[in-house]
Amino acid sequence: MTLESIQSVIRTAIQSAMLEQIEDLQVQEEEAREAGQEDYADGIAQVIGQLAENFDIELPEEEETEEEETKDPESGS
């Protein structure tokens, strides 16, 4: 194996592990929001964003969609 292929395997393994951690954090963030702990949830969201940035992980845009869905009914009321 070349150094580049070893680095690629290691990078992929790290990203996979970090993605699992991010998914766990997203569950915690959602639970905090449901419990009305907005400041705590916002802190978790910041950590998620920083981890994704540091480990070059693209996050799905689901969170924004959920917030938009929540805002739409309020706007219509």
Foldseek 3Di string as FASTA:
>chain_A
DDPVVVVVVVLVVVQVVLVVVLVVLQVVLVVCVVVVNPVVSVVSVVVSVVSCVVSVHDDDPVVVVVVVVVVVVVVVD
